[in-house]
């Protein structure tokens, strides 16, 4: 298992907690140096840095709000300035805001779409520009969601952002393929992360969800990270333009209560 990403540098957005943190740690175990991005939780980012360095790899912590184009450009710049390049980009940062459709505000719409879609779009652009100039190949992984395809009532902005991410991935796989850049999505279902902590403690919400999952449990961040490590490696060199669902069978069995 060890060493599939030896000599690689990866940017992982939203890597101060949850799935992003697990991916950063797994990539380091596989041999990669990591640019750790966080928006507001510096303590978590430093925990990730400690884990990466414990694995014997280099880590750079960069505060960046991916909804700001200048911040996304700086993430790529820091990868080259401090770690000597960048080979893998993981667009993991994401937010969700629940509301009845008729109550959605422009502010909430902008917040979700700016982080989930605009951030991934322009960070990928900055990443690709450098690879294009250097005539180097690369890997783009988007941590999307089962809700790029599966309905999510009352989370319309989130579902819209993830559906758009699916089409963007497909488009870029075709456009960037001739440059040797692969683009794929990972679509987690119900994963044990801080964003789901409240729901996990509410038996009335949790039990119906588990009843919809054929494997009968929520997934773990480490399981998502294992899939990401495969897709970032040369083992996945001929894979592009696809979404990889990791949901315990939820999509195949889901129905609204």
C-alpha atoms as a PDB file:
ATOM      1  CA  UNK A   1       0.000   0.000   0.000  1.00  0.00           C
ATOM      2  CA  UNK A   2       2.715   2.471   0.979  1.00  0.00           C
ATOM      3  CA  UNK A   3       4.372   4.689  -1.575  1.00  0.00           C
ATOM      4  CA  UNK A   4       1.798   4.997  -4.383  1.00  0.00           C
ATOM      5  CA  UNK A   5       2.057   8.794  -4.163  1.00  0.00           C
ATOM      6  CA  UNK A   6       5.795   8.972  -3.509  1.00  0.00           C
ATOM      7  CA  UNK A   7       7.266  12.244  -4.784  1.00  0.00           C
ATOM      8  CA  UNK A   8       3.856  13.850  -5.350  1.00  0.00           C
ATOM      9  CA  UNK A   9       2.484  17.084  -3.907  1.00  0.00           C
ATOM     10  CA  UNK A  10      -1.242  17.388  -3.245  1.00  0.00           C
ATOM     11  CA  UNK A  11      -3.524  20.265  -2.324  1.00  0.00           C
ATOM     12  CA  UNK A  12      -6.478  19.145  -0.196  1.00  0.00           C
ATOM     13  CA  UNK A  13      -9.065  21.824   0.496  1.00  0.00           C
ATOM     14  CA  UNK A  14     -11.040  21.728   3.715  1.00  0.00           C
ATOM     15  CA  UNK A  15      -8.419  19.455   5.255  1.00  0.00           C
ATOM     16  CA  UNK A  16      -8.733  20.658   8.848  1.00  0.00           C
ATOM     17  CA  UNK A  17     -11.419  18.056   9.654  1.00  0.00           C
ATOM     18  CA  UNK A  18     -13.595  15.239   8.365  1.00  0.00           C
ATOM     19  CA  UNK A  19     -13.067  13.724   4.936  1.00  0.00           C
ATOM     20  CA  UNK A  20     -10.486  16.310   3.880  1.00  0.00           C
ATOM     21  CA  UNK A  21      -8.347  15.646   6.922  1.00  0.00           C
ATOM     22  CA  UNK A  22      -8.557  11.883   6.356  1.00  0.00           C
ATOM     23  CA  UNK A  23      -7.536  12.289   2.703  1.00  0.00           C
ATOM     24  CA  UNK A  24      -4.554  14.481   3.607  1.00  0.00           C
ATOM     25  CA  UNK A  25      -3.387  11.935   6.180  1.00  0.00           C
ATOM     26  CA  UNK A  26      -3.835   8.978   3.824  1.00  0.00           C
ATOM     27  CA  UNK A  27      -2.005  10.747   1.003  1.00  0.00           C
ATOM     28  CA  UNK A  28       0.910  11.393   3.364  1.00  0.00           C
ATOM     29  CA  UNK A  29       0.978   7.705   4.313  1.00  0.00           C
ATOM     30  CA  UNK A  30       1.148   6.968   0.582  1.00  0.00           C
ATOM     31  CA  UNK A  31       4.171   9.276   0.219  1.00  0.00           C
ATOM     32  CA  UNK A  32       2.754  12.679  -0.771  1.00  0.00           C
ATOM     33  CA  UNK A  33       3.611  16.106   0.598  1.00  0.00           C
ATOM     34  CA  UNK A  34       0.481  18.094   1.427  1.00  0.00           C
ATOM     35  CA  UNK A  35      -0.822  21.637   1.184  1.00  0.00           C
ATOM     36  CA  UNK A  36      -3.397  21.787   3.981  1.00  0.00           C
ATOM     37  CA  UNK A  37      -6.163  24.319   3.416  1.00  0.00           C
ATOM     38  CA  UNK A  38      -8.482  25.652   6.081  1.00  0.00           C
ATOM     39  CA  UNK A  39     -10.838  28.596   6.329  1.00  0.00           C
ATOM     40  CA  UNK A  40     -11.408  29.061  10.060  1.00  0.00           C
ATOM     41  CA  UNK A  41     -10.266  26.016  12.082  1.00  0.00           C
ATOM     42  CA  UNK A  42      -6.520  26.514  12.452  1.00  0.00           C
ATOM     43  CA  UNK A  43      -6.333  23.982  15.303  1.00  0.00           C
ATOM     44  CA  UNK A  44      -7.645  21.205  13.081  1.00  0.00           C
ATOM     45  CA  UNK A  45      -5.285  22.228  10.281  1.00  0.00           C
ATOM     46  CA  UNK A  46      -2.352  22.015  12.662  1.00  0.00           C
ATOM     47  CA  UNK A  47      -3.528  18.559  13.784  1.00  0.00           C
ATOM     48  CA  UNK A  48      -3.477  17.493  10.138  1.00  0.00           C
ATOM     49  CA  UNK A  49       0.010  18.956   9.734  1.00  0.00           C
ATOM     50  CA  UNK A  50       1.241  17.006  12.747  1.00  0.00           C
ATOM     51  CA  UNK A  51      -0.163  13.761  11.321  1.00  0.00           C
ATOM     52  CA  UNK A  52       1.373  14.400   7.883  1.00  0.00           C
ATOM     53  CA  UNK A  53       4.771  15.087   9.403  1.00  0.00           C
ATOM     54  CA  UNK A  54       4.470  12.021  11.623  1.00  0.00           C
ATOM     55  CA  UNK A  55       4.110  10.037   8.394  1.00  0.00           C
ATOM     56  CA  UNK A  56       7.463  11.488   7.313  1.00  0.00           C
ATOM     57  CA  UNK A  57       6.117  13.944   4.764  1.00  0.00           C
ATOM     58  CA  UNK A  58       6.194  17.720   4.418  1.00  0.00           C
ATOM     59  CA  UNK A  59       3.125  19.833   5.129  1.00  0.00           C
ATOM     60  CA  UNK A  60       2.252  23.466   4.519  1.00  0.00           C
ATOM     61  CA  UNK A  61      -0.777  25.049   6.179  1.00  0.00           C
ATOM     62  CA  UNK A  62      -2.485  27.780   4.159  1.00  0.00           C
ATOM     63  CA  UNK A  63      -5.545  29.742   5.242  1.00  0.00           C
ATOM     64  CA  UNK A  64      -7.788  30.160   2.216  1.00  0.00           C
ATOM     65  CA  UNK A  65     -11.438  30.841   1.557  1.00  0.00           C
ATOM     66  CA  UNK A  66     -11.988  28.970  -1.700  1.00  0.00           C
ATOM     67  CA  UNK A  67     -14.917  31.239  -2.580  1.00  0.00           C
ATOM     68  CA  UNK A  68     -12.303  33.958  -3.206  1.00  0.00           C
ATOM     69  CA  UNK A  69     -10.397  33.520  -6.469  1.00  0.00           C
ATOM     70  CA  UNK A  70      -7.286  35.209  -5.091  1.00  0.00           C
ATOM     71  CA  UNK A  71      -7.180  32.681  -2.244  1.00  0.00           C
ATOM     72  CA  UNK A  72      -7.423  29.743  -4.648  1.00  0.00           C
ATOM     73  CA  UNK A  73      -4.557  31.134  -6.732  1.00  0.00           C
ATOM     74  CA  UNK A  74      -2.482  31.477  -3.568  1.00  0.00           C
ATOM     75  CA  UNK A  75      -3.013  27.824  -2.646  1.00  0.00           C
ATOM     76  CA  UNK A  76      -1.403  26.752  -5.929  1.00  0.00           C
ATOM     77  CA  UNK A  77       1.330  29.362  -5.589  1.00  0.00           C
ATOM     78  CA  UNK A  78       2.242  28.111  -2.104  1.00  0.00           C
ATOM     79  CA  UNK A  79       2.433  24.514  -3.367  1.00  0.00           C
ATOM     80  CA  UNK A  80       5.042  25.536  -5.934  1.00  0.00           C
ATOM     81  CA  UNK A  81       6.881  28.012  -3.700  1.00  0.00           C
ATOM     82  CA  UNK A  82       7.119  25.815  -0.606  1.00  0.00           C
ATOM     83  CA  UNK A  83       6.890  22.243  -1.895  1.00  0.00           C
ATOM     84  CA  UNK A  84       8.277  22.574  -5.418  1.00  0.00           C
ATOM     85  CA  UNK A  85       5.181  21.769  -7.472  1.00  0.00           C
ATOM     86  CA  UNK A  86       1.735  20.224  -7.410  1.00  0.00           C
ATOM     87  CA  UNK A  87       0.493  17.010  -8.974  1.00  0.00           C
ATOM     88  CA  UNK A  88      -2.851  16.296  -7.309  1.00  0.00           C
ATOM     89  CA  UNK A  89      -5.755  18.573  -6.428  1.00  0.00           C
ATOM     90  CA  UNK A  90      -8.572  17.468  -4.136  1.00  0.00           C
ATOM     91  CA  UNK A  91     -11.544  19.839  -4.140  1.00  0.00           C
ATOM     92  CA  UNK A  92     -13.064  18.764  -0.850  1.00  0.00           C
ATOM     93  CA  UNK A  93     -14.209  22.005   0.833  1.00  0.00           C
ATOM     94  CA  UNK A  94     -17.974  22.238   0.951  1.00  0.00           C
ATOM     95  CA  UNK A  95     -20.894  23.613   2.935  1.00  0.00           C
ATOM     96  CA  UNK A  96     -24.630  23.006   3.067  1.00  0.00           C
ATOM     97  CA  UNK A  97     -27.560  25.109   4.252  1.00  0.00           C
ATOM     98  CA  UNK A  98     -30.982  23.557   4.737  1.00  0.00           C
ATOM     99  CA  UNK A  99     -34.189  25.465   4.043  1.00  0.00           C
ATOM    100  CA  UNK A 100     -37.551  25.151   2.356  1.00  0.00           C
ATOM    101  CA  UNK A 101     -37.080  26.281  -1.250  1.00  0.00           C
ATOM    102  CA  UNK A 102     -39.357  29.300  -0.800  1.00  0.00           C
ATOM    103  CA  UNK A 103     -37.256  30.462   2.138  1.00  0.00           C
ATOM    104  CA  UNK A 104     -33.817  30.287   0.474  1.00  0.00           C
ATOM    105  CA  UNK A 105     -32.059  33.662   0.633  1.00  0.00           C
ATOM    106  CA  UNK A 106     -29.699  35.091  -1.932  1.00  0.00           C
ATOM    107  CA  UNK A 107     -27.046  35.157   0.777  1.00  0.00           C
ATOM    108  CA  UNK A 108     -27.352  31.437   1.455  1.00  0.00           C
ATOM    109  CA  UNK A 109     -27.457  30.621  -2.268  1.00  0.00           C
ATOM    110  CA  UNK A 110     -24.260  32.587  -2.861  1.00  0.00           C
ATOM    111  CA  UNK A 111     -22.528  31.057   0.157  1.00  0.00           C
ATOM    112  CA  UNK A 112     -23.151  27.458  -0.944  1.00  0.00           C
ATOM    113  CA  UNK A 113     -22.541  27.897  -4.670  1.00  0.00           C
ATOM    114  CA  UNK A 114     -19.446  30.048  -4.112  1.00  0.00           C
ATOM    115  CA  UNK A 115     -17.740  27.434  -1.930  1.00  0.00           C
ATOM    116  CA  UNK A 116     -18.960  24.218  -3.542  1.00  0.00           C
ATOM    117  CA  UNK A 117     -18.852  25.173  -7.215  1.00  0.00           C
ATOM    118  CA  UNK A 118     -17.045  28.452  -7.807  1.00  0.00           C
ATOM    119  CA  UNK A 119     -14.246  27.455  -5.456  1.00  0.00           C
ATOM    120  CA  UNK A 120     -13.662  24.124  -7.175  1.00  0.00           C
ATOM    121  CA  UNK A 121     -13.911  25.749 -10.622  1.00  0.00           C
ATOM    122  CA  UNK A 122     -11.300  28.446 -10.114  1.00  0.00           C
ATOM    123  CA  UNK A 123      -8.939  26.394  -7.965  1.00  0.00           C
ATOM    124  CA  UNK A 124      -8.926  23.727 -10.663  1.00  0.00           C
ATOM    125  CA  UNK A 125      -8.263  26.447 -13.229  1.00  0.00           C
ATOM    126  CA  UNK A 126      -5.247  27.736 -11.284  1.00  0.00           C
ATOM    127  CA  UNK A 127      -3.956  24.172 -10.832  1.00  0.00           C
ATOM    128  CA  UNK A 128      -4.377  23.340 -14.530  1.00  0.00           C
ATOM    129  CA  UNK A 129      -2.769  26.568 -15.742  1.00  0.00           C
ATOM    130  CA  UNK A 130       0.497  25.681 -14.029  1.00  0.00           C
ATOM    131  CA  UNK A 131       0.434  22.117 -15.342  1.00  0.00           C
ATOM    132  CA  UNK A 132      -0.342  23.389 -18.852  1.00  0.00           C
ATOM    133  CA  UNK A 133       2.559  25.843 -18.767  1.00  0.00           C
ATOM    134  CA  UNK A 134       4.927  23.118 -17.535  1.00  0.00           C
ATOM    135  CA  UNK A 135       3.465  20.466 -19.866  1.00  0.00           C
ATOM    136  CA  UNK A 136       2.928  18.137 -16.914  1.00  0.00           C
ATOM    137  CA  UNK A 137       0.113  15.653 -16.202  1.00  0.00           C
ATOM    138  CA  UNK A 138      -2.031  15.782 -13.077  1.00  0.00           C
ATOM    139  CA  UNK A 139      -5.014  14.490 -11.143  1.00  0.00           C
ATOM    140  CA  UNK A 140      -8.149  16.377 -10.101  1.00  0.00           C
ATOM    141  CA  UNK A 141     -10.473  14.779  -7.545  1.00  0.00           C
ATOM    142  CA  UNK A 142     -13.710  16.430  -6.504  1.00  0.00           C
ATOM    143  CA  UNK A 143     -15.377  15.287  -3.310  1.00  0.00           C
ATOM    144  CA  UNK A 144     -18.922  15.598  -4.553  1.00  0.00           C
ATOM    145  CA  UNK A 145     -21.897  13.779  -3.019  1.00  0.00           C
ATOM    146  CA  UNK A 146     -24.545  11.190  -3.772  1.00  0.00           C
ATOM    147  CA  UNK A 147     -26.668  14.323  -4.145  1.00  0.00           C
ATOM    148  CA  UNK A 148     -25.049  15.105  -7.467  1.00  0.00           C
ATOM    149  CA  UNK A 149     -27.627  12.569  -8.646  1.00  0.00           C
ATOM    150  CA  UNK A 150     -29.942  11.717  -5.729  1.00  0.00           C
ATOM    151  CA  UNK A 151     -32.627  14.157  -4.604  1.00  0.00           C
ATOM    152  CA  UNK A 152     -32.091  16.114  -1.381  1.00  0.00           C
ATOM    153  CA  UNK A 153     -35.299  18.036  -0.570  1.00  0.00           C
ATOM    154  CA  UNK A 154     -34.814  21.233   1.456  1.00  0.00           C
ATOM    155  CA  UNK A 155     -31.145  21.395   0.455  1.00  0.00           C
ATOM    156  CA  UNK A 156     -31.715  22.771  -3.030  1.00  0.00           C
ATOM    157  CA  UNK A 157     -28.587  24.922  -3.190  1.00  0.00           C
ATOM    158  CA  UNK A 158     -26.394  21.995  -2.137  1.00  0.00           C
ATOM    159  CA  UNK A 159     -27.949  19.621  -4.672  1.00  0.00           C
ATOM    160  CA  UNK A 160     -27.609  22.243  -7.412  1.00  0.00           C
ATOM    161  CA  UNK A 161     -23.917  22.754  -6.609  1.00  0.00           C
ATOM    162  CA  UNK A 162     -23.171  19.031  -6.652  1.00  0.00           C
ATOM    163  CA  UNK A 163     -25.134  18.420  -9.852  1.00  0.00           C
ATOM    164  CA  UNK A 164     -23.101  21.169 -11.496  1.00  0.00           C
ATOM    165  CA  UNK A 165     -19.894  19.618 -10.179  1.00  0.00           C
ATOM    166  CA  UNK A 166     -20.811  16.350 -11.889  1.00  0.00           C
ATOM    167  CA  UNK A 167     -21.205  18.074 -15.274  1.00  0.00           C
ATOM    168  CA  UNK A 168     -18.062  20.158 -14.771  1.00  0.00           C
ATOM    169  CA  UNK A 169     -16.089  16.973 -14.063  1.00  0.00           C
ATOM    170  CA  UNK A 170     -17.384  15.329 -17.224  1.00  0.00           C
ATOM    171  CA  UNK A 171     -16.607  18.391 -19.324  1.00  0.00           C
ATOM    172  CA  UNK A 172     -13.094  18.787 -17.954  1.00  0.00           C
ATOM    173  CA  UNK A 173     -12.294  15.102 -18.362  1.00  0.00           C
ATOM    174  CA  UNK A 174     -12.750  15.559 -22.104  1.00  0.00           C
ATOM    175  CA  UNK A 175     -11.114  18.988 -22.326  1.00  0.00           C
ATOM    176  CA  UNK A 176      -8.102  18.171 -20.137  1.00  0.00           C
ATOM    177  CA  UNK A 177      -7.565  14.564 -21.160  1.00  0.00           C
ATOM    178  CA  UNK A 178      -5.228  15.545 -24.031  1.00  0.00           C
ATOM    179  CA  UNK A 179      -3.047  17.295 -21.431  1.00  0.00           C
ATOM    180  CA  UNK A 180      -2.732  14.093 -19.394  1.00  0.00           C
ATOM    181  CA  UNK A 181      -4.921  15.478 -16.617  1.00  0.00           C
ATOM    182  CA  UNK A 182      -7.574  13.150 -15.211  1.00  0.00           C
ATOM    183  CA  UNK A 183     -10.719  14.433 -13.501  1.00  0.00           C
ATOM    184  CA  UNK A 184     -12.998  12.300 -11.332  1.00  0.00           C
ATOM    185  CA  UNK A 185     -15.598  12.737  -8.619  1.00  0.00           C
ATOM    186  CA  UNK A 186     -15.976  10.864  -5.361  1.00  0.00           C
ATOM    187  CA  UNK A 187     -19.593  10.807  -4.182  1.00  0.00           C
ATOM    188  CA  UNK A 188     -19.879   9.923  -0.494  1.00  0.00           C
ATOM    189  CA  UNK A 189     -23.193   9.023   1.056  1.00  0.00           C
ATOM    190  CA  UNK A 190     -23.724   9.169   4.812  1.00  0.00           C
ATOM    191  CA  UNK A 191     -20.260   9.464   6.364  1.00  0.00           C
ATOM    192  CA  UNK A 192     -19.320   9.905  10.019  1.00  0.00           C
ATOM    193  CA  UNK A 193     -18.045  13.493   9.895  1.00  0.00           C
ATOM    194  CA  UNK A 194     -18.481  16.664  11.985  1.00  0.00           C
ATOM    195  CA  UNK A 195     -21.105  17.952   9.510  1.00  0.00           C
ATOM    196  CA  UNK A 196     -23.271  14.932  10.418  1.00  0.00           C
ATOM    197  CA  UNK A 197     -22.582  14.949  14.165  1.00  0.00           C
ATOM    198  CA  UNK A 198     -25.955  16.423  15.145  1.00  0.00           C
ATOM    199  CA  UNK A 199     -27.882  13.926  13.030  1.00  0.00           C
ATOM    200  CA  UNK A 200     -25.844  11.003  14.364  1.00  0.00           C
ATOM    201  CA  UNK A 201     -26.942  11.863  17.901  1.00  0.00           C
ATOM    202  CA  UNK A 202     -30.616  12.027  16.933  1.00  0.00           C
ATOM    203  CA  UNK A 203     -31.985   8.484  16.911  1.00  0.00           C
ATOM    204  CA  UNK A 204     -35.219   9.593  15.217  1.00  0.00           C
ATOM    205  CA  UNK A 205     -33.172  10.869  12.238  1.00  0.00           C
ATOM    206  CA  UNK A 206     -30.422   8.262  12.281  1.00  0.00           C
ATOM    207  CA  UNK A 207     -32.500   5.070  12.363  1.00  0.00           C
ATOM    208  CA  UNK A 208     -34.502   5.793   9.172  1.00  0.00           C
ATOM    209  CA  UNK A 209     -31.262   6.655   7.383  1.00  0.00           C
ATOM    210  CA  UNK A 210     -29.556   3.429   8.446  1.00  0.00           C
ATOM    211  CA  UNK A 211     -32.638   1.500   7.337  1.00  0.00           C
ATOM    212  CA  UNK A 212     -32.054   2.907   3.830  1.00  0.00           C
ATOM    213  CA  UNK A 213     -28.406   1.769   3.735  1.00  0.00           C
ATOM    214  CA  UNK A 214     -28.044  -1.903   2.712  1.00  0.00           C
ATOM    215  CA  UNK A 215     -24.775  -2.226   4.637  1.00  0.00           C
ATOM    216  CA  UNK A 216     -26.574  -0.949   7.727  1.00  0.00           C
ATOM    217  CA  UNK A 217     -24.030   1.619   8.865  1.00  0.00           C
ATOM    218  CA  UNK A 218     -22.558   4.996   8.047  1.00  0.00           C
ATOM    219  CA  UNK A 219     -19.262   5.169   6.223  1.00  0.00           C
ATOM    220  CA  UNK A 220     -15.975   6.346   7.672  1.00  0.00           C
ATOM    221  CA  UNK A 221     -13.752   9.157   6.433  1.00  0.00           C
ATOM    222  CA  UNK A 222     -10.857   6.710   6.158  1.00  0.00           C
ATOM    223  CA  UNK A 223     -12.854   4.661   3.658  1.00  0.00           C
ATOM    224  CA  UNK A 224     -13.369   7.709   1.458  1.00  0.00           C
ATOM    225  CA  UNK A 225      -9.674   8.531   1.805  1.00  0.00           C
ATOM    226  CA  UNK A 226      -8.713   5.044   0.604  1.00  0.00           C
ATOM    227  CA  UNK A 227     -10.725   5.570  -2.592  1.00  0.00           C
ATOM    228  CA  UNK A 228      -9.147   9.001  -3.075  1.00  0.00           C
ATOM    229  CA  UNK A 229      -5.654   7.539  -2.700  1.00  0.00           C
ATOM    230  CA  UNK A 230      -6.386   5.008  -5.431  1.00  0.00           C
ATOM    231  CA  UNK A 231      -7.769   7.635  -7.823  1.00  0.00           C
ATOM    232  CA  UNK A 232      -4.789   9.928  -7.191  1.00  0.00           C
ATOM    233  CA  UNK A 233      -2.281   7.172  -7.919  1.00  0.00           C
ATOM    234  CA  UNK A 234      -0.868   5.728 -11.122  1.00  0.00           C
ATOM    235  CA  UNK A 235      -3.091   2.681 -10.521  1.00  0.00           C
ATOM    236  CA  UNK A 236      -5.906   4.918 -11.793  1.00  0.00           C
ATOM    237  CA  UNK A 237      -4.001   6.410 -14.738  1.00  0.00           C
ATOM    238  CA  UNK A 238      -6.644   5.318 -17.274  1.00  0.00           C
ATOM    239  CA  UNK A 239      -9.639   6.459 -15.222  1.00  0.00           C
ATOM    240  CA  UNK A 240     -11.236   9.814 -15.988  1.00  0.00           C
ATOM    241  CA  UNK A 241     -14.674  11.347 -16.360  1.00  0.00           C
ATOM    242  CA  UNK A 242     -16.428   9.213 -13.757  1.00  0.00           C
ATOM    243  CA  UNK A 243     -18.121   9.511 -10.394  1.00  0.00           C
ATOM    244  CA  UNK A 244     -17.223   6.891  -7.793  1.00  0.00           C
ATOM    245  CA  UNK A 245     -20.059   6.408  -5.324  1.00  0.00           C
ATOM    246  CA  UNK A 246     -19.152   5.322  -1.796  1.00  0.00           C
ATOM    247  CA  UNK A 247     -22.418   5.062   0.100  1.00  0.00           C
ATOM    248  CA  UNK A 248     -23.002   1.521   1.389  1.00  0.00           C
ATOM    249  CA  UNK A 249     -25.666   1.042  -1.282  1.00  0.00           C
ATOM    250  CA  UNK A 250     -27.768   4.036  -0.220  1.00  0.00           C
ATOM    251  CA  UNK A 251     -28.431   5.334  -3.742  1.00  0.00           C
ATOM    252  CA  UNK A 252     -29.766   1.983  -4.879  1.00  0.00           C
ATOM    253  CA  UNK A 253     -32.153   1.685  -1.936  1.00  0.00           C
ATOM    254  CA  UNK A 254     -33.129   5.263  -1.105  1.00  0.00           C
ATOM    255  CA  UNK A 255     -36.705   6.499  -0.867  1.00  0.00           C
ATOM    256  CA  UNK A 256     -38.195   9.534   0.812  1.00  0.00           C
ATOM    257  CA  UNK A 257     -40.021   8.777   4.049  1.00  0.00           C
END
